[in-house]
């Protein structure tokens, strides 16, 4: 069987910048790939790198696509997918997802059992935004910390906790932006709200794994790894080093979907699937994995529609 292959670079401006400890993110760029089989069936995939999070750059992804022929046999495409190096995890996800789409019937896929976590803006703006998300049905919220002065953020946390309904859950995401002392302050604070704080995400930088492991054993508030497990190789390494708390997995940049399935099914890890601000194409493929592998009923981190005009961009 032969496939026609094409791709294009797209970009979408956020309705409001995404502000994290890594900086200000204003435009989301990705690569949309298309495969057409001999029967004319079309399948799409998305390569949505976040280089500062641990994936390849957009330029590296485009370079990889430019090297491929425009007509690919089934043997060649399987070989291509198998040989995409681990340094191109977003490419692994995009190509393997596109091929799976050609081979499977997606009418049976059901995401309705998944709960979603809504992303709040950093700083005081969160106090004015959670109500809108609550009205849309969100019961879990994610708030970026480590962006402003810690005293200011702790004060905002108090206000946020007071405002949120009793049934709401809050996740705090530091994006690796805290030092040891700040992480302890946050964890001590969060231990006062065991029914409100679901977990703190990546409090320390990636190279502070042993410190995060120690903190996870000392405080009652759960810690979730995110940047530390951005790719499959990192995920496997952290598990081998003893991490048994929460893993935040971003399917769009983690790597091969088939390898991810095998790992999750083998180890039954506590996992939260999360968005990389992909389009509807990447979102469908990511939610497919979340629906298959979310065994703990934690809300998935795909409540990001409000960061795009109208809804998640379709192409």
Protein backbone atom coordinates (compact mmCIF):
# COMPACT_ATOMS: atom_id res chain seq x y z
CA UNK A 1 0.00 0.00 0.00
CA UNK A 2 1.12 3.53 -0.74
CA UNK A 3 0.42 6.75 1.12
CA UNK A 4 0.58 10.33 -0.09
CA UNK A 5 2.35 12.45 2.52
CA UNK A 6 2.16 16.22 3.01
CA UNK A 7 2.60 18.65 5.87
CA UNK A 8 2.29 22.32 6.73
CA UNK A 9 3.28 24.67 9.51
CA UNK A 10 0.43 26.48 11.29
CA UNK A 11 0.26 29.08 14.06
CA UNK A 12 -2.44 30.33 16.39
CA UNK A 13 -2.25 33.31 18.74
CA UNK A 14 -3.47 32.75 22.28
CA UNK A 15 -6.35 34.95 23.43
CA UNK A 16 -4.17 35.75 26.44
CA UNK A 17 -0.47 34.89 26.83
CA UNK A 18 0.36 31.73 28.77
CA UNK A 19 2.61 32.88 31.60
CA UNK A 20 4.75 30.33 33.44
CA UNK A 21 8.11 30.19 35.16
CA UNK A 22 9.56 29.47 31.69
CA UNK A 23 8.39 32.86 30.39
CA UNK A 24 5.58 34.33 28.30
CA UNK A 25 4.11 32.24 25.47
CA UNK A 26 2.00 34.15 22.93
CA UNK A 27 1.78 32.04 19.76
CA UNK A 28 1.32 28.30 19.38
CA UNK A 29 3.01 26.80 16.31
CA UNK A 30 2.81 23.21 15.17
CA UNK A 31 3.11 21.00 12.10
CA UNK A 32 0.04 19.28 10.66
CA UNK A 33 0.78 16.11 8.70
CA UNK A 34 -1.56 14.37 6.26
CA UNK A 35 -1.56 10.79 4.99
CA UNK A 36 -3.84 9.61 2.15
CA UNK A 37 -4.09 5.90 1.35
CA UNK A 38 -4.83 4.37 -2.07
CA UNK A 39 -8.57 4.35 -1.30
CA UNK A 40 -8.51 8.08 -0.69
CA UNK A 41 -8.92 7.83 3.07
CA UNK A 42 -7.31 10.82 4.76
CA UNK A 43 -5.64 10.78 8.15
CA UNK A 44 -4.18 13.67 10.07
CA UNK A 45 -1.49 13.93 12.72
CA UNK A 46 0.00 16.81 14.64
CA UNK A 47 3.57 17.55 15.68
CA UNK A 48 3.36 20.13 18.45
CA UNK A 49 6.80 20.54 20.06
CA UNK A 50 7.61 22.52 23.19
CA UNK A 51 11.38 22.75 23.08
CA UNK A 52 11.74 24.49 26.44
CA UNK A 53 9.80 21.61 27.99
CA UNK A 54 12.07 18.90 26.65
CA UNK A 55 10.94 18.09 23.11
CA UNK A 56 12.55 18.92 19.78
CA UNK A 57 12.26 22.42 18.33
CA UNK A 58 9.74 23.31 15.64
CA UNK A 59 12.64 23.73 13.20
CA UNK A 60 13.91 20.21 13.92
CA UNK A 61 10.42 18.80 13.34
CA UNK A 62 10.10 20.65 10.03
CA UNK A 63 13.55 19.47 8.96
CA UNK A 64 12.52 15.88 9.62
CA UNK A 65 9.35 16.27 7.54
CA UNK A 66 11.25 17.90 4.65
CA UNK A 67 13.52 14.84 4.42
CA UNK A 68 10.63 12.43 3.76
CA UNK A 69 9.35 11.49 0.28
CA UNK A 70 5.88 12.64 -0.76
CA UNK A 71 4.86 9.09 -1.65
CA UNK A 72 5.50 6.48 1.02
CA UNK A 73 4.85 2.73 0.94
CA UNK A 74 3.40 0.98 3.97
CA UNK A 75 6.74 -0.74 4.57
CA UNK A 76 8.61 2.55 4.47
CA UNK A 77 6.18 4.39 6.74
CA UNK A 78 6.41 1.66 9.39
CA UNK A 79 10.19 1.86 9.10
CA UNK A 80 10.07 5.65 9.38
CA UNK A 81 7.95 5.49 12.54
CA UNK A 82 10.17 2.84 14.12
CA UNK A 83 13.30 4.84 13.34
CA UNK A 84 12.18 8.28 14.49
CA UNK A 85 14.79 9.01 17.17
CA UNK A 86 13.83 9.66 20.78
CA UNK A 87 15.17 13.20 20.40
CA UNK A 88 12.10 13.87 18.21
CA UNK A 89 9.28 12.77 20.57
CA UNK A 90 6.62 15.10 19.12
CA UNK A 91 7.37 13.67 15.67
CA UNK A 92 6.97 10.15 17.07
CA UNK A 93 3.56 11.06 18.43
CA UNK A 94 2.37 12.86 15.30
CA UNK A 95 3.33 10.18 12.79
CA UNK A 96 2.25 7.19 14.86
CA UNK A 97 -1.09 8.85 15.66
CA UNK A 98 -1.71 9.58 11.97
CA UNK A 99 -1.02 5.96 11.05
CA UNK A 100 -3.29 4.68 13.82
CA UNK A 101 -6.08 6.90 12.49
CA UNK A 102 -5.90 5.12 9.14
CA UNK A 103 -6.04 1.71 10.74
CA UNK A 104 -8.77 2.17 13.33
CA UNK A 105 -12.48 2.97 13.52
CA UNK A 106 -12.77 6.05 15.72
CA UNK A 107 -16.55 6.10 15.77
CA UNK A 108 -16.41 3.89 18.85
CA UNK A 109 -14.12 6.20 20.81
CA UNK A 110 -15.81 7.79 23.81
CA UNK A 111 -14.28 10.58 25.88
CA UNK A 112 -17.44 11.45 27.82
CA UNK A 113 -16.31 9.68 30.97
CA UNK A 114 -13.28 11.97 31.27
CA UNK A 115 -13.35 14.95 33.62
CA UNK A 116 -11.40 18.05 32.65
CA UNK A 117 -9.24 20.46 34.63
CA UNK A 118 -9.52 24.14 33.68
CA UNK A 119 -6.35 26.21 33.39
CA UNK A 120 -6.41 29.48 35.34
CA UNK A 121 -4.21 32.47 34.49
CA UNK A 122 -1.27 33.22 36.76
CA UNK A 123 -1.49 35.82 39.50
CA UNK A 124 -4.57 37.72 40.69
CA UNK A 125 -6.38 37.14 37.39
CA UNK A 126 -7.23 33.64 38.63
CA UNK A 127 -9.59 35.17 41.20
CA UNK A 128 -11.74 36.58 38.41
CA UNK A 129 -11.57 33.64 36.02
CA UNK A 130 -12.47 30.51 37.96
CA UNK A 131 -16.19 31.44 38.09
CA UNK A 132 -16.48 31.36 34.29
CA UNK A 133 -14.87 27.92 34.14
CA UNK A 134 -17.06 26.67 36.99
CA UNK A 135 -20.16 27.71 35.04
CA UNK A 136 -18.83 25.68 32.10
CA UNK A 137 -18.73 22.57 34.27
CA UNK A 138 -15.12 22.47 35.47
CA UNK A 139 -14.67 21.20 39.03
CA UNK A 140 -10.85 21.00 39.01
CA UNK A 141 -8.61 24.01 38.40
CA UNK A 142 -4.91 24.41 37.70
CA UNK A 143 -3.11 27.58 38.79
CA UNK A 144 0.44 28.57 37.83
CA UNK A 145 2.72 29.51 40.74
CA UNK A 146 6.38 30.52 40.95
CA UNK A 147 5.62 33.38 38.57
CA UNK A 148 5.30 36.30 41.02
CA UNK A 149 6.54 37.06 44.53
CA UNK A 150 5.86 34.11 46.82
CA UNK A 151 4.25 36.25 49.54
CA UNK A 152 1.83 37.66 46.99
CA UNK A 153 1.04 34.24 45.56
CA UNK A 154 0.42 32.70 48.99
CA UNK A 155 -1.99 35.54 49.76
CA UNK A 156 -3.80 34.92 46.47
CA UNK A 157 -3.98 31.21 47.32
CA UNK A 158 -5.80 32.05 50.57
CA UNK A 159 -8.33 34.12 48.66
CA UNK A 160 -8.74 31.45 46.00
CA UNK A 161 -9.30 28.72 48.60
CA UNK A 162 -11.93 30.89 50.31
CA UNK A 163 -13.72 31.56 47.02
CA UNK A 164 -13.78 28.11 45.51
CA UNK A 165 -16.86 25.94 46.13
CA UNK A 166 -16.47 23.11 48.61
CA UNK A 167 -16.44 20.44 45.90
CA UNK A 168 -13.75 22.14 43.81
CA UNK A 169 -10.17 20.87 43.61
CA UNK A 170 -7.07 22.97 42.96
CA UNK A 171 -3.78 21.97 41.35
CA UNK A 172 -0.73 24.20 41.70
CA UNK A 173 1.86 24.15 38.92
CA UNK A 174 5.30 25.62 39.58
CA UNK A 175 6.89 24.50 36.28
CA UNK A 176 10.08 23.75 38.22
CA UNK A 177 10.34 27.38 39.34
CA UNK A 178 10.74 27.00 43.11
CA UNK A 179 13.85 26.57 45.21
CA UNK A 180 14.01 24.17 48.16
CA UNK A 181 12.80 26.71 50.73
CA UNK A 182 9.95 27.97 48.59
CA UNK A 183 8.84 24.41 47.81
CA UNK A 184 8.69 23.62 51.53
CA UNK A 185 6.70 26.80 52.22
CA UNK A 186 4.17 25.88 49.55
CA UNK A 187 3.87 22.28 50.74
CA UNK A 188 3.45 23.35 54.37
CA UNK A 189 0.72 25.75 53.25
CA UNK A 190 -1.00 23.14 51.11
CA UNK A 191 -0.99 20.60 53.94
CA UNK A 192 -3.49 22.94 55.65
CA UNK A 193 -5.98 22.34 52.83
CA UNK A 194 -6.00 18.55 52.29
CA UNK A 195 -9.51 18.59 50.83
CA UNK A 196 -8.82 21.41 48.42
CA UNK A 197 -5.29 20.94 47.02
CA UNK A 198 -5.04 17.89 44.79
CA UNK A 199 -1.29 18.20 44.20
CA UNK A 200 1.65 20.51 43.47
CA UNK A 201 3.09 19.97 40.02
CA UNK A 202 6.87 20.03 39.44
CA UNK A 203 7.90 22.26 42.36
CA UNK A 204 11.64 21.94 41.69
CA UNK A 205 13.76 21.86 38.51
CA UNK A 206 14.34 18.60 36.63
CA UNK A 207 17.81 18.13 38.15
CA UNK A 208 16.30 18.09 41.67
CA UNK A 209 14.65 14.68 41.41
CA UNK A 210 16.03 13.28 44.68
CA UNK A 211 14.89 16.39 46.54
CA UNK A 212 11.35 16.05 45.12
CA UNK A 213 11.32 12.38 46.06
CA UNK A 214 12.25 13.31 49.61
CA UNK A 215 9.59 16.03 49.75
CA UNK A 216 6.95 13.62 48.46
CA UNK A 217 7.71 11.29 51.36
CA UNK A 218 7.68 14.08 53.99
CA UNK A 219 4.55 16.11 53.19
CA UNK A 220 0.98 14.86 52.90
CA UNK A 221 0.27 17.03 49.83
CA UNK A 222 0.98 14.98 46.73
CA UNK A 223 3.66 16.03 44.25
CA UNK A 224 3.29 15.43 40.53
CA UNK A 225 6.21 15.27 38.12
CA UNK A 226 5.76 17.13 34.83
CA UNK A 227 8.90 18.53 33.19
CA UNK A 228 10.82 15.65 34.78
CA UNK A 229 8.76 13.16 32.76
CA UNK A 230 8.28 15.12 29.53
CA UNK A 231 9.49 12.21 27.37
CA UNK A 232 9.14 8.45 27.61
CA UNK A 233 12.80 8.04 28.44
CA UNK A 234 12.47 10.46 31.36
CA UNK A 235 9.26 8.76 32.49
CA UNK A 236 10.94 5.38 32.55
CA UNK A 237 14.00 6.78 34.35
CA UNK A 238 11.95 8.42 37.11
CA UNK A 239 9.94 5.25 37.66
CA UNK A 240 13.11 3.18 37.89
CA UNK A 241 14.46 5.66 40.47
CA UNK A 242 11.47 5.04 42.71
CA UNK A 243 8.85 7.67 41.86
CA UNK A 244 5.41 6.32 42.79
CA UNK A 245 3.46 9.54 43.19
CA UNK A 246 1.72 11.28 40.27
CA UNK A 247 3.06 11.48 36.71
CA UNK A 248 1.77 14.26 34.42
CA UNK A 249 2.00 13.03 30.85
CA UNK A 250 1.70 15.30 27.84
CA UNK A 251 0.97 12.85 24.99
CA UNK A 252 1.84 15.40 22.31
CA UNK A 253 5.50 15.49 23.33
CA UNK A 254 6.03 12.27 25.31
CA UNK A 255 6.85 10.15 22.26
CA UNK A 256 5.47 6.91 20.81
CA UNK A 257 1.82 6.21 21.75
CA UNK A 258 2.34 2.42 21.53
CA UNK A 259 5.34 2.52 23.86
CA UNK A 260 3.44 4.77 26.26
CA UNK A 261 0.52 2.33 26.33
CA UNK A 262 2.84 -0.56 27.08
CA UNK A 263 4.56 1.31 29.92
CA UNK A 264 1.34 2.52 31.57
CA UNK A 265 -0.35 -0.85 31.32
CA UNK A 266 2.69 -2.65 32.68
CA UNK A 267 3.24 -0.39 35.68
CA UNK A 268 -0.27 0.97 36.47
CA UNK A 269 1.12 4.40 37.36
CA UNK A 270 -0.90 7.26 38.87
CA UNK A 271 -1.21 9.48 35.81
CA UNK A 272 -2.70 12.80 34.74
CA UNK A 273 -2.87 13.42 31.00
CA UNK A 274 -2.33 17.01 29.96
CA UNK A 275 -2.50 19.25 26.89
CA UNK A 276 0.34 20.92 25.00
CA UNK A 277 -2.07 23.47 23.48
CA UNK A 278 -2.48 21.33 20.41
CA UNK A 279 -5.16 21.73 17.73
CA UNK A 280 -8.25 19.51 17.55
CA UNK A 281 -6.15 16.98 15.60
CA UNK A 282 -3.57 16.44 18.34
CA UNK A 283 -6.23 16.74 21.01
CA UNK A 284 -8.24 13.82 19.61
CA UNK A 285 -5.17 11.58 19.54
CA UNK A 286 -4.14 12.64 23.05
CA UNK A 287 -7.63 12.12 24.51
CA UNK A 288 -7.73 8.69 22.90
CA UNK A 289 -4.74 7.73 25.04
CA UNK A 290 -6.21 9.41 28.11
CA UNK A 291 -9.48 7.50 27.69
CA UNK A 292 -7.58 4.22 27.41
CA UNK A 293 -5.07 4.75 30.19
CA UNK A 294 -6.65 7.00 32.87
CA UNK A 295 -7.49 4.36 35.46
CA UNK A 296 -7.49 6.64 38.51
CA UNK A 297 -10.26 9.04 37.38
CA UNK A 298 -8.14 12.15 37.84
CA UNK A 299 -9.26 15.10 35.70
CA UNK A 300 -7.31 15.45 32.47
CA UNK A 301 -5.55 18.74 31.84
CA UNK A 302 -7.27 19.67 28.60
CA UNK A 303 -9.40 22.56 29.82
CA UNK A 304 -7.64 25.12 27.64
CA UNK A 305 -10.31 26.07 25.07
CA UNK A 306 -10.54 29.60 26.50
CA UNK A 307 -6.93 30.24 25.48
CA UNK A 308 -7.96 30.16 21.81
CA UNK A 309 -10.45 32.28 19.91
CA UNK A 310 -13.81 30.50 19.85
CA UNK A 311 -12.49 27.01 20.61
CA UNK A 312 -9.47 24.80 20.08
CA UNK A 313 -8.34 25.53 16.51
CA UNK A 314 -9.39 23.08 13.85
CA UNK A 315 -7.50 22.82 10.56
